[in-house]
């Protein structure tokens, strides 16, 4: 089966977003999605994108997602390009019937490259 190049990119855009698009939606007040950090609770506590909630990939279930409408789009992210936790989470959520996109670049691009705001835990040593 041959896929036209435009179809490939349309499918890719249907499944992915990036840090800039997510942040722009936040800035304009047009955030129509739930942003979920799928890393561990410990990693989330250290630093996470402003407005993100934490549901680690292995904890995603009908029960943990019950508070979210399947009509509300979900954007998931993990550490970054070297991690497939967001891909696994997106797959799981899609199987459950959620509209989901993966934020490419993850928290690594969000925080280290784009310098977008994060919630960060201050360690005891810094006090």
PDB file of N, CA and C in Angstrom:
ATOM      1  N   UNK A   1       0.845  -1.175   0.000  1.00  0.00           N
ATOM      2  CA  UNK A   1       0.000   0.000   0.000  1.00  0.00           C
ATOM      3  C   UNK A   1       0.896   1.245   0.000  1.00  0.00           C
ATOM      4  N   UNK A   2       0.690   2.085  -0.961  1.00  0.00           N
ATOM      5  CA  UNK A   2       1.472   3.306  -1.065  1.00  0.00           C
ATOM      6  C   UNK A   2       0.709   4.463  -0.424  1.00  0.00           C
ATOM      7  N   UNK A   3       1.390   5.193   0.451  1.00  0.00           N
ATOM      8  CA  UNK A   3       0.784   6.351   1.113  1.00  0.00           C
ATOM      9  C   UNK A   3       1.349   7.605   0.471  1.00  0.00           C
ATOM     10  N   UNK A   4       0.481   8.503   0.102  1.00  0.00           N
ATOM     11  CA  UNK A   4       0.932   9.784  -0.422  1.00  0.00           C
ATOM     12  C   UNK A   4       1.663  10.538   0.679  1.00  0.00           C
ATOM     13  N   UNK A   5       2.659  11.311   0.315  1.00  0.00           N
ATOM     14  CA  UNK A   5       3.457  12.058   1.281  1.00  0.00           C
ATOM     15  C   UNK A   5       2.564  12.984   2.106  1.00  0.00           C
ATOM     16  N   UNK A   6       1.629  13.655   1.474  1.00  0.00           N
ATOM     17  CA  UNK A   6       0.750  14.566   2.216  1.00  0.00           C
ATOM     18  C   UNK A   6      -0.103  13.807   3.227  1.00  0.00           C
ATOM     19  N   UNK A   7      -0.516  12.591   2.897  1.00  0.00           N
ATOM     20  CA  UNK A   7      -1.288  11.776   3.841  1.00  0.00           C
ATOM     21  C   UNK A   7      -0.437  11.397   5.046  1.00  0.00           C
ATOM     22  N   UNK A   8       0.818  11.057   4.799  1.00  0.00           N
ATOM     23  CA  UNK A   8       1.731  10.703   5.878  1.00  0.00           C
ATOM     24  C   UNK A   8       1.858  11.858   6.863  1.00  0.00           C
ATOM     25  N   UNK A   9       2.106  13.065   6.342  1.00  0.00           N
ATOM     26  CA  UNK A   9       2.294  14.211   7.225  1.00  0.00           C
ATOM     27  C   UNK A   9       0.996  14.616   7.912  1.00  0.00           C
ATOM     28  N   UNK A  10      -0.130  14.446   7.244  1.00  0.00           N
ATOM     29  CA  UNK A  10      -1.423  14.731   7.885  1.00  0.00           C
ATOM     30  C   UNK A  10      -1.646  13.775   9.051  1.00  0.00           C
ATOM     31  N   UNK A  11      -1.304  12.504   8.861  1.00  0.00           N
ATOM     32  CA  UNK A  11      -1.448  11.525   9.944  1.00  0.00           C
ATOM     33  C   UNK A  11      -0.489  11.848  11.086  1.00  0.00           C
ATOM     34  N   UNK A  12       0.728  12.260  10.747  1.00  0.00           N
ATOM     35  CA  UNK A  12       1.713  12.594  11.770  1.00  0.00           C
ATOM     36  C   UNK A  12       1.236  13.782  12.602  1.00  0.00           C
ATOM     37  N   UNK A  13       0.739  14.823  11.946  1.00  0.00           N
ATOM     38  CA  UNK A  13       0.234  15.999  12.668  1.00  0.00           C
ATOM     39  C   UNK A  13      -1.005  15.682  13.496  1.00  0.00           C
ATOM     40  N   UNK A  14      -1.759  14.692  13.106  1.00  0.00           N
ATOM     41  CA  UNK A  14      -2.938  14.282  13.879  1.00  0.00           C
ATOM     42  C   UNK A  14      -2.538  13.606  15.184  1.00  0.00           C
ATOM     43  N   UNK A  15      -1.286  13.111  15.239  1.00  0.00           N
ATOM     44  CA  UNK A  15      -0.826  12.363  16.406  1.00  0.00           C
ATOM     45  C   UNK A  15       0.229  13.091  17.224  1.00  0.00           C
ATOM     46  N   UNK A  16       0.772  14.180  16.705  1.00  0.00           N
ATOM     47  CA  UNK A  16       1.854  14.882  17.394  1.00  0.00           C
ATOM     48  C   UNK A  16       1.582  16.378  17.481  1.00  0.00           C
ATOM     49  N   UNK A  17       2.190  16.975  18.486  1.00  0.00           N
ATOM     50  CA  UNK A  17       2.238  18.420  18.612  1.00  0.00           C
ATOM     51  C   UNK A  17       3.619  18.744  19.156  1.00  0.00           C
ATOM     52  N   UNK A  18       3.936  20.007  19.300  1.00  0.00           N
ATOM     53  CA  UNK A  18       5.241  20.337  19.867  1.00  0.00           C
ATOM     54  C   UNK A  18       5.095  21.332  21.003  1.00  0.00           C
ATOM     55  N   UNK A  19       6.205  21.580  21.677  1.00  0.00           N
ATOM     56  CA  UNK A  19       6.208  22.465  22.843  1.00  0.00           C
ATOM     57  C   UNK A  19       5.685  23.850  22.487  1.00  0.00           C
ATOM     58  N   UNK A  20       6.087  24.379  21.344  1.00  0.00           N
ATOM     59  CA  UNK A  20       5.671  25.727  20.951  1.00  0.00           C
ATOM     60  C   UNK A  20       4.163  25.824  20.777  1.00  0.00           C
ATOM     61  N   UNK A  21       3.558  24.823  20.148  1.00  0.00           N
ATOM     62  CA  UNK A  21       2.102  24.845  19.963  1.00  0.00           C
ATOM     63  C   UNK A  21       1.364  24.730  21.292  1.00  0.00           C
ATOM     64  N   UNK A  22       1.862  23.866  22.158  1.00  0.00           N
ATOM     65  CA  UNK A  22       1.239  23.696  23.478  1.00  0.00           C
ATOM     66  C   UNK A  22       1.329  24.998  24.275  1.00  0.00           C
ATOM     67  N   UNK A  23       2.509  25.582  24.312  1.00  0.00           N
ATOM     68  CA  UNK A  23       2.703  26.815  25.081  1.00  0.00           C
ATOM     69  C   UNK A  23       1.903  27.971  24.485  1.00  0.00           C
ATOM     70  N   UNK A  24       1.854  28.067  23.172  1.00  0.00           N
ATOM     71  CA  UNK A  24       1.072  29.130  22.524  1.00  0.00           C
ATOM     72  C   UNK A  24      -0.404  29.020  22.899  1.00  0.00           C
ATOM     73  N   UNK A  25      -0.922  27.813  22.959  1.00  0.00           N
ATOM     74  CA  UNK A  25      -2.318  27.610  23.382  1.00  0.00           C
ATOM     75  C   UNK A  25      -2.530  28.098  24.807  1.00  0.00           C
ATOM     76  N   UNK A  26      -1.551  27.859  25.666  1.00  0.00           N
ATOM     77  CA  UNK A  26      -1.634  28.322  27.053  1.00  0.00           C
ATOM     78  C   UNK A  26      -1.616  29.844  27.122  1.00  0.00           C
ATOM     79  N   UNK A  27      -0.722  30.464  26.363  1.00  0.00           N
ATOM     80  CA  UNK A  27      -0.591  31.921  26.391  1.00  0.00           C
ATOM     81  C   UNK A  27      -1.835  32.643  25.900  1.00  0.00           C
ATOM     82  N   UNK A  28      -2.464  32.082  24.894  1.00  0.00           N
ATOM     83  CA  UNK A  28      -3.639  32.721  24.304  1.00  0.00           C
ATOM     84  C   UNK A  28      -4.929  32.363  25.027  1.00  0.00           C
ATOM     85  N   UNK A  29      -4.823  31.484  26.020  1.00  0.00           N
ATOM     86  CA  UNK A  29      -6.023  31.073  26.747  1.00  0.00           C
ATOM     87  C   UNK A  29      -6.903  30.131  25.951  1.00  0.00           C
ATOM     88  N   UNK A  30      -6.345  29.544  24.913  1.00  0.00           N
ATOM     89  CA  UNK A  30      -7.111  28.634  24.057  1.00  0.00           C
ATOM     90  C   UNK A  30      -6.717  27.179  24.285  1.00  0.00           C
ATOM     91  N   UNK A  31      -6.275  26.885  25.492  1.00  0.00           N
ATOM     92  CA  UNK A  31      -5.884  25.517  25.808  1.00  0.00           C
ATOM     93  C   UNK A  31      -7.140  24.670  25.921  1.00  0.00           C
ATOM     94  N   UNK A  32      -7.353  23.833  24.937  1.00  0.00           N
ATOM     95  CA  UNK A  32      -8.532  22.976  24.898  1.00  0.00           C
ATOM     96  C   UNK A  32      -8.133  21.512  25.054  1.00  0.00           C
ATOM     97  N   UNK A  33      -7.147  21.272  25.902  1.00  0.00           N
ATOM     98  CA  UNK A  33      -6.637  19.921  26.101  1.00  0.00           C
ATOM     99  C   UNK A  33      -6.131  19.784  27.529  1.00  0.00           C
ATOM    100  N   UNK A  34      -5.956  18.539  27.945  1.00  0.00           N
ATOM    101  CA  UNK A  34      -5.341  18.229  29.235  1.00  0.00           C
ATOM    102  C   UNK A  34      -3.897  17.849  28.943  1.00  0.00           C
ATOM    103  N   UNK A  35      -2.956  18.474  29.633  1.00  0.00           N
ATOM    104  CA  UNK A  35      -1.536  18.180  29.463  1.00  0.00           C
ATOM    105  C   UNK A  35      -1.119  17.195  30.554  1.00  0.00           C
ATOM    106  N   UNK A  36      -0.658  16.024  30.140  1.00  0.00           N
ATOM    107  CA  UNK A  36      -0.304  14.974  31.098  1.00  0.00           C
ATOM    108  C   UNK A  36       1.177  14.614  30.969  1.00  0.00           C
ATOM    109  N   UNK A  37       1.884  14.738  32.081  1.00  0.00           N
ATOM    110  CA  UNK A  37       3.271  14.310  32.210  1.00  0.00           C
ATOM    111  C   UNK A  37       3.216  12.846  32.620  1.00  0.00           C
ATOM    112  N   UNK A  38       3.744  11.964  31.776  1.00  0.00           N
ATOM    113  CA  UNK A  38       3.623  10.533  32.038  1.00  0.00           C
ATOM    114  C   UNK A  38       4.883   9.932  32.661  1.00  0.00           C
ATOM    115  N   UNK A  39       5.800  10.790  33.110  1.00  0.00           N
ATOM    116  CA  UNK A  39       7.006  10.317  33.797  1.00  0.00           C
ATOM    117  C   UNK A  39       6.654   9.884  35.220  1.00  0.00           C
ATOM    118  N   UNK A  40       7.629   9.403  35.919  1.00  0.00           N
ATOM    119  CA  UNK A  40       7.411   8.962  37.301  1.00  0.00           C
ATOM    120  C   UNK A  40       6.979  10.125  38.187  1.00  0.00           C
ATOM    121  N   UNK A  41       6.399   9.796  39.323  1.00  0.00           N
ATOM    122  CA  UNK A  41       6.004  10.819  40.287  1.00  0.00           C
ATOM    123  C   UNK A  41       7.216  11.633  40.744  1.00  0.00           C
ATOM    124  N   UNK A  42       8.351  10.966  40.906  1.00  0.00           N
ATOM    125  CA  UNK A  42       9.569  11.639  41.360  1.00  0.00           C
ATOM    126  C   UNK A  42      10.073  12.638  40.320  1.00  0.00           C
ATOM    127  N   UNK A  43      10.090  12.236  39.060  1.00  0.00           N
ATOM    128  CA  UNK A  43      10.550  13.129  37.993  1.00  0.00           C
ATOM    129  C   UNK A  43       9.608  14.325  37.862  1.00  0.00           C
ATOM    130  N   UNK A  44       8.311  14.065  37.948  1.00  0.00           N
ATOM    131  CA  UNK A  44       7.311  15.141  37.882  1.00  0.00           C
ATOM    132  C   UNK A  44       7.512  16.124  39.038  1.00  0.00           C
ATOM    133  N   UNK A  45       7.774  15.609  40.232  1.00  0.00           N
ATOM    134  CA  UNK A  45       7.941  16.468  41.404  1.00  0.00           C
ATOM    135  C   UNK A  45       9.159  17.385  41.260  1.00  0.00           C
ATOM    136  N   UNK A  46      10.204  16.911  40.606  1.00  0.00           N
ATOM    137  CA  UNK A  46      11.411  17.723  40.418  1.00  0.00           C
ATOM    138  C   UNK A  46      11.154  18.895  39.482  1.00  0.00           C
ATOM    139  N   UNK A  47      10.419  18.649  38.393  1.00  0.00           N
ATOM    140  CA  UNK A  47      10.177  19.689  37.401  1.00  0.00           C
ATOM    141  C   UNK A  47       9.148  19.191  36.388  1.00  0.00           C
ATOM    142  N   UNK A  48       8.154  20.027  36.111  1.00  0.00           N
ATOM    143  CA  UNK A  48       7.169  19.667  35.091  1.00  0.00           C
ATOM    144  C   UNK A  48       6.615  20.925  34.432  1.00  0.00           C
ATOM    145  N   UNK A  49       6.095  20.758  33.236  1.00  0.00           N
ATOM    146  CA  UNK A  49       5.524  21.878  32.489  1.00  0.00           C
ATOM    147  C   UNK A  49       4.386  22.498  33.288  1.00  0.00           C
ATOM    148  N   UNK A  50       4.340  23.805  33.260  1.00  0.00           N
ATOM    149  CA  UNK A  50       3.280  24.536  33.938  1.00  0.00           C
ATOM    150  C   UNK A  50       1.921  24.013  33.470  1.00  0.00           C
ATOM    151  N   UNK A  51       1.066  23.687  34.410  1.00  0.00           N
ATOM    152  CA  UNK A  51      -0.278  23.226  34.073  1.00  0.00           C
ATOM    153  C   UNK A  51      -0.422  21.741  33.819  1.00  0.00           C
ATOM    154  N   UNK A  52       0.688  21.008  33.832  1.00  0.00           N
ATOM    155  CA  UNK A  52       0.621  19.568  33.575  1.00  0.00           C
ATOM    156  C   UNK A  52       0.177  18.812  34.826  1.00  0.00           C
ATOM    157  N   UNK A  53      -0.571  17.746  34.610  1.00  0.00           N
ATOM    158  CA  UNK A  53      -0.904  16.815  35.688  1.00  0.00           C
ATOM    159  C   UNK A  53      -0.034  15.582  35.492  1.00  0.00           C
ATOM    160  N   UNK A  54       0.132  14.801  36.536  1.00  0.00           N
ATOM    161  CA  UNK A  54       1.009  13.640  36.477  1.00  0.00           C
ATOM    162  C   UNK A  54       0.222  12.350  36.565  1.00  0.00           C
ATOM    163  N   UNK A  55       0.309  11.562  35.503  1.00  0.00           N
ATOM    164  CA  UNK A  55      -0.206  10.193  35.513  1.00  0.00           C
ATOM    165  C   UNK A  55       0.855   9.348  34.812  1.00  0.00           C
ATOM    166  N   UNK A  56       1.712   8.679  35.587  1.00  0.00           N
ATOM    167  CA  UNK A  56       2.751   7.861  34.969  1.00  0.00           C
ATOM    168  C   UNK A  56       2.159   6.821  34.014  1.00  0.00           C
ATOM    169  N   UNK A  57       2.876   6.553  32.948  1.00  0.00           N
ATOM    170  CA  UNK A  57       2.397   5.636  31.909  1.00  0.00           C
ATOM    171  C   UNK A  57       1.842   4.339  32.487  1.00  0.00           C
ATOM    172  N   UNK A  58       2.569   3.737  33.422  1.00  0.00           N
ATOM    173  CA  UNK A  58       2.137   2.447  33.972  1.00  0.00           C
ATOM    174  C   UNK A  58       0.881   2.557  34.826  1.00  0.00           C
ATOM    175  N   UNK A  59       0.516   3.772  35.228  1.00  0.00           N
ATOM    176  CA  UNK A  59      -0.682   3.966  36.052  1.00  0.00           C
ATOM    177  C   UNK A  59      -1.909   4.365  35.238  1.00  0.00           C
ATOM    178  N   UNK A  60      -1.763   4.530  33.941  1.00  0.00           N
ATOM    179  CA  UNK A  60      -2.909   4.907  33.108  1.00  0.00           C
ATOM    180  C   UNK A  60      -3.877   3.737  33.028  1.00  0.00           C
ATOM    181  N   UNK A  61      -5.105   4.015  33.425  1.00  0.00           N
ATOM    182  CA  UNK A  61      -6.158   2.994  33.395  1.00  0.00           C
ATOM    183  C   UNK A  61      -7.496   3.705  33.286  1.00  0.00           C
ATOM    184  N   UNK A  62      -8.539   2.957  33.095  1.00  0.00           N
ATOM    185  CA  UNK A  62      -9.882   3.544  33.063  1.00  0.00           C
ATOM    186  C   UNK A  62     -10.152   4.287  34.377  1.00  0.00           C
ATOM    187  N   UNK A  63      -9.676   3.739  35.480  1.00  0.00           N
ATOM    188  CA  UNK A  63      -9.898   4.352  36.789  1.00  0.00           C
ATOM    189  C   UNK A  63      -9.156   5.686  36.918  1.00  0.00           C
ATOM    190  N   UNK A  64      -7.868   5.711  36.567  1.00  0.00           N
ATOM    191  CA  UNK A  64      -7.102   6.954  36.715  1.00  0.00           C
ATOM    192  C   UNK A  64      -7.521   8.015  35.705  1.00  0.00           C
ATOM    193  N   UNK A  65      -8.172   7.603  34.632  1.00  0.00           N
ATOM    194  CA  UNK A  65      -8.604   8.555  33.602  1.00  0.00           C
ATOM    195  C   UNK A  65     -10.087   8.905  33.710  1.00  0.00           C
ATOM    196  N   UNK A  66     -10.769   8.349  34.688  1.00  0.00           N
ATOM    197  CA  UNK A  66     -12.217   8.525  34.811  1.00  0.00           C
ATOM    198  C   UNK A  66     -12.653   9.986  34.919  1.00  0.00           C
ATOM    199  N   UNK A  67     -11.812  10.843  35.480  1.00  0.00           N
ATOM    200  CA  UNK A  67     -12.189  12.245  35.648  1.00  0.00           C
ATOM    201  C   UNK A  67     -12.087  13.058  34.359  1.00  0.00           C
ATOM    202  N   UNK A  68     -11.522  12.465  33.299  1.00  0.00           N
ATOM    203  CA  UNK A  68     -11.333  13.178  32.038  1.00  0.00           C
ATOM    204  C   UNK A  68     -12.302  12.679  30.974  1.00  0.00           C
ATOM    205  N   UNK A  69     -12.974  13.603  30.343  1.00  0.00           N
ATOM    206  CA  UNK A  69     -13.911  13.270  29.267  1.00  0.00           C
ATOM    207  C   UNK A  69     -13.150  12.787  28.041  1.00  0.00           C
ATOM    208  N   UNK A  70     -13.689  11.797  27.390  1.00  0.00           N
ATOM    209  CA  UNK A  70     -13.067  11.311  26.158  1.00  0.00           C
ATOM    210  C   UNK A  70     -13.251  12.310  25.020  1.00  0.00           C
ATOM    211  N   UNK A  71     -14.079  13.312  25.231  1.00  0.00           N
ATOM    212  CA  UNK A  71     -14.255  14.380  24.240  1.00  0.00           C
ATOM    213  C   UNK A  71     -13.162  15.442  24.361  1.00  0.00           C
ATOM    214  N   UNK A  72     -12.473  15.477  25.493  1.00  0.00           N
ATOM    215  CA  UNK A  72     -11.409  16.468  25.721  1.00  0.00           C
ATOM    216  C   UNK A  72     -10.087  15.907  25.214  1.00  0.00           C
ATOM    217  N   UNK A  73      -9.446  16.578  24.266  1.00  0.00           N
ATOM    218  CA  UNK A  73      -8.142  16.094  23.789  1.00  0.00           C
ATOM    219  C   UNK A  73      -7.108  16.063  24.913  1.00  0.00           C
ATOM    220  N   UNK A  74      -6.182  15.139  24.783  1.00  0.00           N
ATOM    221  CA  UNK A  74      -5.114  14.969  25.763  1.00  0.00           C
ATOM    222  C   UNK A  74      -3.778  15.079  25.041  1.00  0.00           C
ATOM    223  N   UNK A  75      -2.838  15.781  25.656  1.00  0.00           N
ATOM    224  CA  UNK A  75      -1.465  15.866  25.153  1.00  0.00           C
ATOM    225  C   UNK A  75      -0.582  15.241  26.225  1.00  0.00           C
ATOM    226  N   UNK A  76       0.239  14.279  25.810  1.00  0.00           N
ATOM    227  CA  UNK A  76       1.124  13.595  26.747  1.00  0.00           C
ATOM    228  C   UNK A  76       2.583  13.900  26.415  1.00  0.00           C
ATOM    229  N   UNK A  77       3.412  13.902  27.455  1.00  0.00           N
ATOM    230  CA  UNK A  77       4.853  14.035  27.233  1.00  0.00           C
ATOM    231  C   UNK A  77       5.598  13.232  28.279  1.00  0.00           C
ATOM    232  N   UNK A  78       6.848  12.906  27.933  1.00  0.00           N
ATOM    233  CA  UNK A  78       7.747  12.228  28.869  1.00  0.00           C
ATOM    234  C   UNK A  78       9.044  13.026  28.906  1.00  0.00           C
ATOM    235  N   UNK A  79      10.172  12.360  29.099  1.00  0.00           N
ATOM    236  CA  UNK A  79      11.436  13.067  29.236  1.00  0.00           C
ATOM    237  C   UNK A  79      11.825  13.776  27.946  1.00  0.00           C
ATOM    238  N   UNK A  80      11.849  13.062  26.844  1.00  0.00           N
ATOM    239  CA  UNK A  80      12.264  13.675  25.592  1.00  0.00           C
ATOM    240  C   UNK A  80      12.497  12.656  24.499  1.00  0.00           C
ATOM    241  N   UNK A  81      13.306  13.034  23.518  1.00  0.00           N
ATOM    242  CA  UNK A  81      13.495  12.189  22.339  1.00  0.00           C
ATOM    243  C   UNK A  81      14.027  10.791  22.634  1.00  0.00           C
ATOM    244  N   UNK A  82      14.749  10.613  23.713  1.00  0.00           N
ATOM    245  CA  UNK A  82      15.310   9.309  24.035  1.00  0.00           C
ATOM    246  C   UNK A  82      14.386   8.431  24.859  1.00  0.00           C
ATOM    247  N   UNK A  83      13.139   8.819  24.972  1.00  0.00           N
ATOM    248  CA  UNK A  83      12.173   8.117  25.823  1.00  0.00           C
ATOM    249  C   UNK A  83      10.914   7.823  25.011  1.00  0.00           C
ATOM    250  N   UNK A  84      10.366   6.641  25.163  1.00  0.00           N
ATOM    251  CA  UNK A  84       9.121   6.342  24.457  1.00  0.00           C
ATOM    252  C   UNK A  84       7.930   6.195  25.403  1.00  0.00           C
ATOM    253  N   UNK A  85       8.069   6.715  26.619  1.00  0.00           N
ATOM    254  CA  UNK A  85       6.966   6.647  27.580  1.00  0.00           C
ATOM    255  C   UNK A  85       5.715   7.374  27.092  1.00  0.00           C
ATOM    256  N   UNK A  86       5.898   8.505  26.438  1.00  0.00           N
ATOM    257  CA  UNK A  86       4.740   9.253  25.927  1.00  0.00           C
ATOM    258  C   UNK A  86       4.075   8.494  24.785  1.00  0.00           C
ATOM    259  N   UNK A  87       4.882   7.831  23.955  1.00  0.00           N
ATOM    260  CA  UNK A  87       4.323   7.042  22.857  1.00  0.00           C
ATOM    261  C   UNK A  87       3.491   5.886  23.417  1.00  0.00           C
ATOM    262  N   UNK A  88       4.024   5.216  24.435  1.00  0.00           N
ATOM    263  CA  UNK A  88       3.294   4.113  25.074  1.00  0.00           C
ATOM    264  C   UNK A  88       2.009   4.620  25.721  1.00  0.00           C
ATOM    265  N   UNK A  89       2.089   5.780  26.382  1.00  0.00           N
ATOM    266  CA  UNK A  89       0.905   6.355  27.025  1.00  0.00           C
ATOM    267  C   UNK A  89      -0.139   6.752  25.986  1.00  0.00           C
ATOM    268  N   UNK A  90       0.326   7.383  24.900  1.00  0.00           N
ATOM    269  CA  UNK A  90      -0.602   7.798  23.839  1.00  0.00           C
ATOM    270  C   UNK A  90      -1.312   6.589  23.234  1.00  0.00           C
ATOM    271  N   UNK A  91      -0.573   5.528  23.016  1.00  0.00           N
ATOM    272  CA  UNK A  91      -1.148   4.306  22.474  1.00  0.00           C
ATOM    273  C   UNK A  91      -2.219   3.744  23.414  1.00  0.00           C
ATOM    274  N   UNK A  92      -1.879   3.692  24.687  1.00  0.00           N
ATOM    275  CA  UNK A  92      -2.801   3.184  25.708  1.00  0.00           C
ATOM    276  C   UNK A  92      -4.080   4.031  25.754  1.00  0.00           C
ATOM    277  N   UNK A  93      -3.908   5.351  25.760  1.00  0.00           N
ATOM    278  CA  UNK A  93      -5.057   6.253  25.820  1.00  0.00           C
ATOM    279  C   UNK A  93      -5.906   6.153  24.558  1.00  0.00           C
ATOM    280  N   UNK A  94      -5.268   6.037  23.407  1.00  0.00           N
ATOM    281  CA  UNK A  94      -6.011   5.890  22.150  1.00  0.00           C
ATOM    282  C   UNK A  94      -6.830   4.598  22.164  1.00  0.00           C
ATOM    283  N   UNK A  95      -6.256   3.531  22.696  1.00  0.00           N
ATOM    284  CA  UNK A  95      -6.991   2.268  22.805  1.00  0.00           C
ATOM    285  C   UNK A  95      -8.212   2.406  23.714  1.00  0.00           C
ATOM    286  N   UNK A  96      -8.121   3.309  24.689  1.00  0.00           N
ATOM    287  CA  UNK A  96      -9.225   3.530  25.621  1.00  0.00           C
ATOM    288  C   UNK A  96     -10.270   4.493  25.039  1.00  0.00           C
ATOM    289  N   UNK A  97      -9.985   5.058  23.867  1.00  0.00           N
ATOM    290  CA  UNK A  97     -10.955   5.921  23.206  1.00  0.00           C
ATOM    291  C   UNK A  97     -10.722   7.413  23.373  1.00  0.00           C
ATOM    292  N   UNK A  98      -9.575   7.802  23.909  1.00  0.00           N
ATOM    293  CA  UNK A  98      -9.265   9.227  24.085  1.00  0.00           C
ATOM    294  C   UNK A  98      -8.638   9.799  22.819  1.00  0.00           C
ATOM    295  N   UNK A  99      -8.886  11.086  22.586  1.00  0.00           N
ATOM    296  CA  UNK A  99      -8.191  11.828  21.538  1.00  0.00           C
ATOM    297  C   UNK A  99      -6.857  12.231  22.147  1.00  0.00           C
ATOM    298  N   UNK A 100      -5.765  11.809  21.563  1.00  0.00           N
ATOM    299  CA  UNK A 100      -4.473  12.041  22.202  1.00  0.00           C
ATOM    300  C   UNK A 100      -3.407  12.411  21.188  1.00  0.00           C
ATOM    301  N   UNK A 101      -2.512  13.296  21.627  1.00  0.00           N
ATOM    302  CA  UNK A 101      -1.335  13.665  20.843  1.00  0.00           C
ATOM    303  C   UNK A 101      -0.120  13.565  21.751  1.00  0.00           C
ATOM    304  N   UNK A 102       1.004  13.274  21.138  1.00  0.00           N
ATOM    305  CA  UNK A 102       2.268  13.240  21.855  1.00  0.00           C
ATOM    306  C   UNK A 102       2.988  14.569  21.636  1.00  0.00           C
ATOM    307  N   UNK A 103       3.481  15.175  22.720  1.00  0.00           N
ATOM    308  CA  UNK A 103       4.261  16.406  22.599  1.00  0.00           C
ATOM    309  C   UNK A 103       5.718  16.015  22.342  1.00  0.00           C
ATOM    310  N   UNK A 104       6.141  16.168  21.098  1.00  0.00           N
ATOM    311  CA  UNK A 104       7.506  15.786  20.746  1.00  0.00           C
ATOM    312  C   UNK A 104       8.500  16.702  21.460  1.00  0.00           C
ATOM    313  N   UNK A 105       9.605  16.110  21.850  1.00  0.00           N
ATOM    314  CA  UNK A 105      10.623  16.862  22.583  1.00  0.00           C
ATOM    315  C   UNK A 105      10.509  16.710  24.080  1.00  0.00           C
ATOM    316  N   UNK A 106       9.280  16.470  24.572  1.00  0.00           N
ATOM    317  CA  UNK A 106       9.062  16.251  25.997  1.00  0.00           C
ATOM    318  C   UNK A 106       9.515  17.406  26.875  1.00  0.00           C
ATOM    319  N   UNK A 107       9.699  17.107  28.148  1.00  0.00           N
ATOM    320  CA  UNK A 107      10.100  18.138  29.113  1.00  0.00           C
ATOM    321  C   UNK A 107      11.511  18.645  28.789  1.00  0.00           C
ATOM    322  N   UNK A 108      12.328  17.825  28.173  1.00  0.00           N
ATOM    323  CA  UNK A 108      13.684  18.227  27.807  1.00  0.00           C
ATOM    324  C   UNK A 108      13.655  19.443  26.876  1.00  0.00           C
ATOM    325  N   UNK A 109      12.878  19.375  25.832  1.00  0.00           N
ATOM    326  CA  UNK A 109      12.791  20.514  24.912  1.00  0.00           C
ATOM    327  C   UNK A 109      12.034  21.666  25.560  1.00  0.00           C
ATOM    328  N   UNK A 110      10.983  21.352  26.307  1.00  0.00           N
ATOM    329  CA  UNK A 110      10.175  22.386  26.966  1.00  0.00           C
ATOM    330  C   UNK A 110      11.046  23.264  27.868  1.00  0.00           C
ATOM    331  N   UNK A 111      11.807  22.592  28.708  1.00  0.00           N
ATOM    332  CA  UNK A 111      12.565  23.295  29.739  1.00  0.00           C
ATOM    333  C   UNK A 111      13.951  23.741  29.280  1.00  0.00           C
ATOM    334  N   UNK A 112      14.690  22.862  28.652  1.00  0.00           N
ATOM    335  CA  UNK A 112      16.094  23.146  28.349  1.00  0.00           C
ATOM    336  C   UNK A 112      16.320  23.916  27.048  1.00  0.00           C
ATOM    337  N   UNK A 113      15.460  23.722  26.066  1.00  0.00           N
ATOM    338  CA  UNK A 113      15.655  24.405  24.793  1.00  0.00           C
ATOM    339  C   UNK A 113      14.739  25.614  24.633  1.00  0.00           C
ATOM    340  N   UNK A 114      13.464  25.422  24.920  1.00  0.00           N
ATOM    341  CA  UNK A 114      12.514  26.521  24.744  1.00  0.00           C
ATOM    342  C   UNK A 114      12.480  27.461  25.941  1.00  0.00           C
ATOM    343  N   UNK A 115      12.890  26.952  27.109  1.00  0.00           N
ATOM    344  CA  UNK A 115      12.886  27.745  28.347  1.00  0.00           C
ATOM    345  C   UNK A 115      11.475  28.204  28.739  1.00  0.00           C
ATOM    346  N   UNK A 116      10.501  27.337  28.516  1.00  0.00           N
ATOM    347  CA  UNK A 116       9.132  27.639  28.929  1.00  0.00           C
ATOM    348  C   UNK A 116       9.007  27.405  30.428  1.00  0.00           C
ATOM    349  N   UNK A 117       8.012  28.007  31.067  1.00  0.00           N
ATOM    350  CA  UNK A 117       7.899  27.904  32.524  1.00  0.00           C
ATOM    351  C   UNK A 117       7.614  26.486  33.009  1.00  0.00           C
ATOM    352  N   UNK A 118       8.198  26.197  34.158  1.00  0.00           N
ATOM    353  CA  UNK A 118       8.005  24.899  34.806  1.00  0.00           C
ATOM    354  C   UNK A 118       7.696  25.119  36.277  1.00  0.00           C
ATOM    355  N   UNK A 119       7.100  24.132  36.875  1.00  0.00           N
ATOM    356  CA  UNK A 119       6.994  24.068  38.322  1.00  0.00           C
ATOM    357  C   UNK A 119       8.172  23.212  38.748  1.00  0.00           C
ATOM    358  N   UNK A 120       8.962  23.731  39.672  1.00  0.00           N
ATOM    359  CA  UNK A 120      10.175  23.034  40.075  1.00  0.00           C
ATOM    360  C   UNK A 120      10.219  22.938  41.596  1.00  0.00           C
ATOM    361  N   UNK A 121      10.554  21.766  42.077  1.00  0.00           N
ATOM    362  CA  UNK A 121      10.749  21.577  43.508  1.00  0.00           C
ATOM    363  C   UNK A 121      12.115  22.115  43.864  1.00  0.00           C
ATOM    364  N   UNK A 122      12.179  22.894  44.915  1.00  0.00           N
ATOM    365  CA  UNK A 122      13.450  23.428  45.405  1.00  0.00           C
ATOM    366  C   UNK A 122      14.011  22.419  46.384  1.00  0.00           C
ATOM    367  N   UNK A 123      15.252  21.985  46.144  1.00  0.00           N
ATOM    368  CA  UNK A 123      15.842  21.005  47.048  1.00  0.00           C
ATOM    369  C   UNK A 123      16.255  21.669  48.346  1.00  0.00           C
ATOM    370  N   UNK A 124      16.400  20.871  49.384  1.00  0.00           N
ATOM    371  CA  UNK A 124      16.810  21.367  50.703  1.00  0.00           C
ATOM    372  C   UNK A 124      18.184  22.029  50.623  1.00  0.00           C
ATOM    373  N   UNK A 125      19.076  21.524  49.780  1.00  0.00           N
ATOM    374  CA  UNK A 125      20.425  22.064  49.679  1.00  0.00           C
ATOM    375  C   UNK A 125      20.436  23.493  49.139  1.00  0.00           C
ATOM    376  N   UNK A 126      19.401  23.871  48.378  1.00  0.00           N
ATOM    377  CA  UNK A 126      19.348  25.211  47.789  1.00  0.00           C
ATOM    378  C   UNK A 126      18.768  26.242  48.748  1.00  0.00           C
ATOM    379  N   UNK A 127      18.197  25.808  49.834  1.00  0.00           N
ATOM    380  CA  UNK A 127      17.573  26.735  50.786  1.00  0.00           C
ATOM    381  C   UNK A 127      18.584  27.407  51.683  1.00  0.00           C
TER     382      UNK A 127
END
